[in-house]
């Protein structure tokens, strides 16, 4: 059975790239940066830290 681990919304707002992330472990949070690469770097780093101790089967 599939179960979503993370919901991610990415959009542009007032010249910034914004991602809104929701997970059971980390709750709801938002990342903002002037470029996609900067925003994605923050997002990926946070998700890797959040799930580093989680074993996925």
Protein backbone atom coordinates (compact mmCIF):
# COMPACT_ATOMS: atom_id res chain seq x y z
CA UNK A 1 0.00 0.00 0.00
CA UNK A 2 1.36 3.41 -0.94
CA UNK A 3 1.55 6.16 1.63
CA UNK A 4 2.72 9.71 0.83
CA UNK A 5 5.72 10.74 2.91
CA UNK A 6 6.02 14.35 1.76
CA UNK A 7 3.84 16.86 -0.06
CA UNK A 8 5.72 19.63 -1.89
CA UNK A 9 4.30 22.71 -3.63
CA UNK A 10 6.68 24.96 -5.61
CA UNK A 11 5.66 28.36 -6.95
CA UNK A 12 6.93 31.84 -7.72
CA UNK A 13 5.92 34.75 -5.50
CA UNK A 14 7.14 38.36 -5.75
CA UNK A 15 10.41 37.46 -7.47
CA UNK A 16 11.21 34.52 -5.18
CA UNK A 17 10.91 30.78 -5.65
CA UNK A 18 8.88 29.34 -2.79
CA UNK A 19 8.35 25.73 -1.75
CA UNK A 20 5.84 24.66 0.86
CA UNK A 21 6.61 21.25 2.32
CA UNK A 22 4.48 19.08 4.58
CA UNK A 23 5.47 15.80 6.25
CA UNK A 24 4.45 13.87 9.34
CA UNK A 25 7.92 14.19 10.85
CA UNK A 26 8.65 17.85 10.07
CA UNK A 27 5.17 19.37 9.85
CA UNK A 28 4.61 22.30 7.47
CA UNK A 29 7.48 24.59 6.51
CA UNK A 30 8.43 26.96 3.74
CA UNK A 31 11.65 27.69 1.86
CA UNK A 32 12.27 30.92 -0.09
CA UNK A 33 15.16 31.85 -2.36
CA UNK A 34 15.83 34.03 -5.40
CA UNK A 35 16.66 30.98 -7.59
CA UNK A 36 15.39 27.42 -7.99
CA UNK A 37 18.83 25.96 -7.25
CA UNK A 38 19.18 27.80 -3.93
CA UNK A 39 15.65 26.87 -2.83
CA UNK A 40 16.11 23.21 -3.88
CA UNK A 41 19.46 23.02 -2.05
CA UNK A 42 17.78 24.06 1.21
CA UNK A 43 14.79 21.79 0.63
CA UNK A 44 16.86 18.70 -0.21
CA UNK A 45 19.26 19.23 2.69
CA UNK A 46 16.35 19.48 5.13
CA UNK A 47 14.58 16.40 3.75
CA UNK A 48 17.78 14.34 3.82
CA UNK A 49 18.29 15.25 7.49
CA UNK A 50 14.64 14.52 8.28
CA UNK A 51 14.65 11.06 6.70
CA UNK A 52 18.26 9.96 7.31
CA UNK A 53 17.25 7.58 10.11
CA UNK A 54 14.13 6.29 8.35
CA UNK A 55 14.32 2.91 6.67
CA UNK A 56 12.09 2.72 3.61
CA UNK A 57 11.00 -0.69 2.32
